[in-house]
């Protein structure tokens, strides 16, 4: 019985050891969600939300609905010092 299971196993591939996949910058999204923007700015999502609702957000939000906002990637990167 053990021989059967030994022949039916697949080779386990550790993806952590795999080389990184090439990433094209032009494929990045132009907008970040509120959670992604807050993460890149180093603040909590609810802090960014509260600032946006008060009109004091460090980056101007783009309202999609009454409850959902996105932020331009370039604005977040410039404020965070990622891009000039």
N, C-alpha and C. Protein backbone atom coordinates (compact mmCIF):
# COMPACT_ATOMS: atom_id res chain seq x y z
N UNK A 1 0.82 -1.19 0.00
CA UNK A 1 0.00 0.00 0.00
C UNK A 1 0.87 1.26 0.00
N UNK A 2 1.95 1.27 0.76
CA UNK A 2 2.84 2.42 0.82
C UNK A 2 3.47 2.70 -0.55
N UNK A 3 3.76 1.64 -1.29
CA UNK A 3 4.35 1.83 -2.62
C UNK A 3 3.39 2.58 -3.54
N UNK A 4 2.09 2.34 -3.38
CA UNK A 4 1.10 3.03 -4.21
C UNK A 4 1.17 4.54 -3.96
N UNK A 5 1.18 4.94 -2.70
CA UNK A 5 1.22 6.37 -2.38
C UNK A 5 2.54 7.01 -2.79
N UNK A 6 3.62 6.28 -2.70
CA UNK A 6 4.90 6.82 -3.11
C UNK A 6 4.94 7.09 -4.61
N UNK A 7 4.23 6.29 -5.38
CA UNK A 7 4.21 6.50 -6.83
C UNK A 7 3.20 7.58 -7.22
N UNK A 8 2.27 7.93 -6.35
CA UNK A 8 1.23 8.90 -6.66
C UNK A 8 1.56 10.32 -6.20
N UNK A 9 2.69 10.51 -5.58
CA UNK A 9 3.03 11.84 -5.08
C UNK A 9 3.58 12.71 -6.20
N UNK A 10 3.34 13.98 -6.08
CA UNK A 10 3.88 14.94 -7.03
C UNK A 10 5.09 15.63 -6.42
N UNK A 11 5.93 16.12 -7.27
CA UNK A 11 7.09 16.85 -6.77
C UNK A 11 6.61 18.18 -6.19
N UNK A 12 7.05 18.48 -4.99
CA UNK A 12 6.66 19.73 -4.33
C UNK A 12 7.66 20.80 -4.72
N UNK A 13 7.14 21.90 -5.22
CA UNK A 13 7.98 23.01 -5.66
C UNK A 13 7.85 24.14 -4.64
N UNK A 14 8.97 24.56 -4.12
CA UNK A 14 8.98 25.67 -3.18
C UNK A 14 9.07 26.97 -3.98
N UNK A 15 7.96 27.70 -4.05
CA UNK A 15 7.93 28.92 -4.85
C UNK A 15 8.74 30.05 -4.24
N UNK A 16 9.06 29.95 -2.97
CA UNK A 16 9.86 31.00 -2.33
C UNK A 16 11.28 31.02 -2.89
N UNK A 17 11.75 29.88 -3.38
CA UNK A 17 13.09 29.81 -3.95
C UNK A 17 13.11 30.17 -5.44
N UNK A 18 11.94 30.39 -6.02
CA UNK A 18 11.86 30.70 -7.44
C UNK A 18 12.40 32.10 -7.71
N UNK A 19 13.00 32.32 -8.87
CA UNK A 19 13.48 33.66 -9.19
C UNK A 19 12.29 34.61 -9.33
N UNK A 20 12.48 35.90 -9.05
CA UNK A 20 11.36 36.84 -9.15
C UNK A 20 10.90 36.98 -10.59
N UNK A 21 9.62 37.17 -10.75
CA UNK A 21 9.04 37.35 -12.07
C UNK A 21 9.28 38.79 -12.49
N UNK A 22 9.75 39.01 -13.73
CA UNK A 22 9.99 40.38 -14.17
C UNK A 22 8.69 41.19 -14.11
N UNK A 23 8.79 42.43 -13.66
CA UNK A 23 7.61 43.27 -13.49
C UNK A 23 7.79 44.54 -14.30
N UNK A 24 6.84 44.81 -15.15
CA UNK A 24 6.88 46.03 -15.95
C UNK A 24 6.17 47.15 -15.20
N UNK A 25 6.84 48.29 -15.05
CA UNK A 25 6.25 49.41 -14.34
C UNK A 25 4.99 49.93 -15.02
N UNK A 26 4.94 49.80 -16.33
CA UNK A 26 3.78 50.35 -17.03
C UNK A 26 2.51 49.53 -16.79
N UNK A 27 2.63 48.38 -16.17
CA UNK A 27 1.46 47.56 -15.89
C UNK A 27 0.85 47.87 -14.52
N UNK A 28 1.47 48.77 -13.75
CA UNK A 28 0.92 49.10 -12.45
C UNK A 28 -0.36 49.90 -12.61
N UNK A 29 -1.22 49.76 -11.64
CA UNK A 29 -2.48 50.49 -11.64
C UNK A 29 -2.22 51.97 -11.36
N UNK A 30 -3.05 52.83 -11.89
CA UNK A 30 -2.90 54.26 -11.69
C UNK A 30 -3.51 54.74 -10.38
N UNK A 31 -4.29 53.88 -9.73
CA UNK A 31 -4.97 54.28 -8.51
C UNK A 31 -4.75 53.26 -7.40
N UNK A 32 -4.77 53.74 -6.16
CA UNK A 32 -4.68 52.89 -4.99
C UNK A 32 -5.99 52.98 -4.22
N UNK A 33 -6.39 51.87 -3.65
CA UNK A 33 -7.54 51.89 -2.75
C UNK A 33 -7.15 52.65 -1.49
N UNK A 34 -8.13 52.91 -0.65
CA UNK A 34 -7.85 53.62 0.60
C UNK A 34 -6.87 52.84 1.47
N UNK A 35 -7.04 51.53 1.53
CA UNK A 35 -6.15 50.70 2.35
C UNK A 35 -4.73 50.70 1.79
N UNK A 36 -4.59 50.59 0.46
CA UNK A 36 -3.26 50.59 -0.16
C UNK A 36 -2.58 51.94 0.01
N UNK A 37 -3.33 53.02 -0.16
CA UNK A 37 -2.76 54.36 -0.01
C UNK A 37 -2.28 54.58 1.42
N UNK A 38 -3.10 54.21 2.38
CA UNK A 38 -2.72 54.38 3.79
C UNK A 38 -1.49 53.56 4.12
N UNK A 39 -1.42 52.36 3.59
CA UNK A 39 -0.27 51.49 3.85
C UNK A 39 1.02 52.13 3.33
N UNK A 40 0.97 52.67 2.14
CA UNK A 40 2.16 53.29 1.56
C UNK A 40 2.55 54.60 2.25
N UNK A 41 1.56 55.26 2.84
CA UNK A 41 1.85 56.50 3.57
C UNK A 41 2.25 56.24 5.01
N UNK A 42 2.08 55.00 5.46
CA UNK A 42 2.48 54.65 6.81
C UNK A 42 1.48 55.05 7.88
N UNK A 43 0.21 55.19 7.48
CA UNK A 43 -0.84 55.50 8.45
C UNK A 43 -1.91 54.43 8.36
N UNK A 44 -2.81 54.42 9.34
CA UNK A 44 -3.88 53.42 9.35
C UNK A 44 -4.97 53.83 8.36
N UNK A 45 -5.63 52.85 7.81
CA UNK A 45 -6.68 53.10 6.82
C UNK A 45 -7.78 54.01 7.36
N UNK A 46 -8.19 53.78 8.61
CA UNK A 46 -9.27 54.59 9.17
C UNK A 46 -8.83 56.04 9.41
N UNK A 47 -7.54 56.24 9.64
CA UNK A 47 -7.03 57.61 9.79
C UNK A 47 -7.14 58.35 8.46
N UNK A 48 -6.73 57.70 7.38
CA UNK A 48 -6.83 58.32 6.06
C UNK A 48 -8.29 58.57 5.71
N UNK A 49 -9.16 57.64 6.05
CA UNK A 49 -10.60 57.80 5.79
C UNK A 49 -11.15 59.00 6.54
N UNK A 50 -10.81 59.11 7.83
CA UNK A 50 -11.30 60.23 8.63
C UNK A 50 -10.81 61.57 8.08
N UNK A 51 -9.54 61.62 7.69
CA UNK A 51 -9.00 62.84 7.11
C UNK A 51 -9.71 63.20 5.80
N UNK A 52 -9.99 62.19 4.98
CA UNK A 52 -10.67 62.43 3.71
C UNK A 52 -12.09 62.96 3.95
N UNK A 53 -12.79 62.40 4.93
CA UNK A 53 -14.15 62.85 5.21
C UNK A 53 -14.17 64.27 5.77
N UNK A 54 -13.11 64.67 6.47
CA UNK A 54 -13.00 66.03 7.01
C UNK A 54 -12.44 67.03 5.99
N UNK A 55 -12.00 66.51 4.85
CA UNK A 55 -11.41 67.37 3.84
C UNK A 55 -9.97 67.75 4.15
N UNK A 56 -9.31 66.99 5.01
CA UNK A 56 -7.93 67.29 5.42
C UNK A 56 -6.94 66.22 4.99
N UNK A 57 -7.30 65.42 4.02
CA UNK A 57 -6.44 64.34 3.56
C UNK A 57 -5.17 64.91 2.94
N UNK A 58 -4.01 64.29 3.18
CA UNK A 58 -2.76 64.79 2.59
C UNK A 58 -2.74 64.63 1.07
N UNK A 59 -3.58 63.76 0.55
CA UNK A 59 -3.69 63.53 -0.89
C UNK A 59 -5.18 63.59 -1.22
N UNK A 60 -5.51 64.28 -2.30
CA UNK A 60 -6.93 64.44 -2.62
C UNK A 60 -7.54 63.11 -3.07
N UNK A 61 -8.61 62.69 -2.39
CA UNK A 61 -9.27 61.45 -2.79
C UNK A 61 -10.15 61.66 -4.01
N UNK A 62 -10.34 60.60 -4.77
CA UNK A 62 -11.25 60.61 -5.91
C UNK A 62 -12.45 59.77 -5.49
N UNK A 63 -13.59 60.40 -5.24
CA UNK A 63 -14.75 59.63 -4.78
C UNK A 63 -15.37 58.81 -5.92
N UNK A 64 -15.51 57.52 -5.70
CA UNK A 64 -16.18 56.66 -6.67
C UNK A 64 -17.66 56.54 -6.33
N UNK A 65 -17.94 56.37 -5.04
CA UNK A 65 -19.30 56.36 -4.51
C UNK A 65 -19.27 57.17 -3.22
N UNK A 66 -20.39 57.21 -2.51
CA UNK A 66 -20.41 57.93 -1.23
C UNK A 66 -19.48 57.30 -0.21
N UNK A 67 -19.20 56.01 -0.37
CA UNK A 67 -18.43 55.28 0.64
C UNK A 67 -17.09 54.75 0.15
N UNK A 68 -16.77 54.98 -1.11
CA UNK A 68 -15.53 54.42 -1.66
C UNK A 68 -14.73 55.52 -2.34
N UNK A 69 -13.44 55.58 -1.98
CA UNK A 69 -12.53 56.56 -2.55
C UNK A 69 -11.27 55.85 -3.04
N UNK A 70 -10.66 56.41 -4.07
CA UNK A 70 -9.36 55.93 -4.54
C UNK A 70 -8.42 57.13 -4.57
N UNK A 71 -7.13 56.84 -4.65
CA UNK A 71 -6.10 57.88 -4.63
C UNK A 71 -5.15 57.64 -5.79
N UNK A 72 -4.73 58.73 -6.44
CA UNK A 72 -3.82 58.59 -7.58
C UNK A 72 -2.48 58.07 -7.10
N UNK A 73 -1.96 57.07 -7.80
CA UNK A 73 -0.70 56.43 -7.43
C UNK A 73 0.45 57.44 -7.42
N UNK A 74 0.51 58.30 -8.40
CA UNK A 74 1.61 59.25 -8.49
C UNK A 74 1.60 60.21 -7.30
N UNK A 75 0.40 60.62 -6.84
CA UNK A 75 0.31 61.51 -5.68
C UNK A 75 0.82 60.82 -4.42
N UNK A 76 0.45 59.55 -4.25
CA UNK A 76 0.89 58.79 -3.08
C UNK A 76 2.41 58.61 -3.12
N UNK A 77 2.95 58.26 -4.28
CA UNK A 77 4.39 58.03 -4.40
C UNK A 77 5.18 59.31 -4.16
N UNK A 78 4.68 60.43 -4.66
CA UNK A 78 5.39 61.70 -4.44
C UNK A 78 5.38 62.08 -2.97
N UNK A 79 4.23 61.93 -2.31
CA UNK A 79 4.14 62.28 -0.90
C UNK A 79 4.98 61.36 -0.04
N UNK A 80 5.03 60.07 -0.41
CA UNK A 80 5.81 59.10 0.35
C UNK A 80 7.30 59.16 0.02
N UNK A 81 7.66 59.94 -1.01
CA UNK A 81 9.06 60.06 -1.39
C UNK A 81 9.55 58.90 -2.25
N UNK A 82 8.63 58.18 -2.86
CA UNK A 82 9.01 57.04 -3.70
C UNK A 82 9.41 57.52 -5.09
N UNK A 83 8.68 58.52 -5.62
CA UNK A 83 8.98 59.07 -6.94
C UNK A 83 9.17 60.58 -6.82
N UNK A 84 10.00 61.16 -7.69
CA UNK A 84 10.20 62.62 -7.63
C UNK A 84 8.99 63.39 -8.12
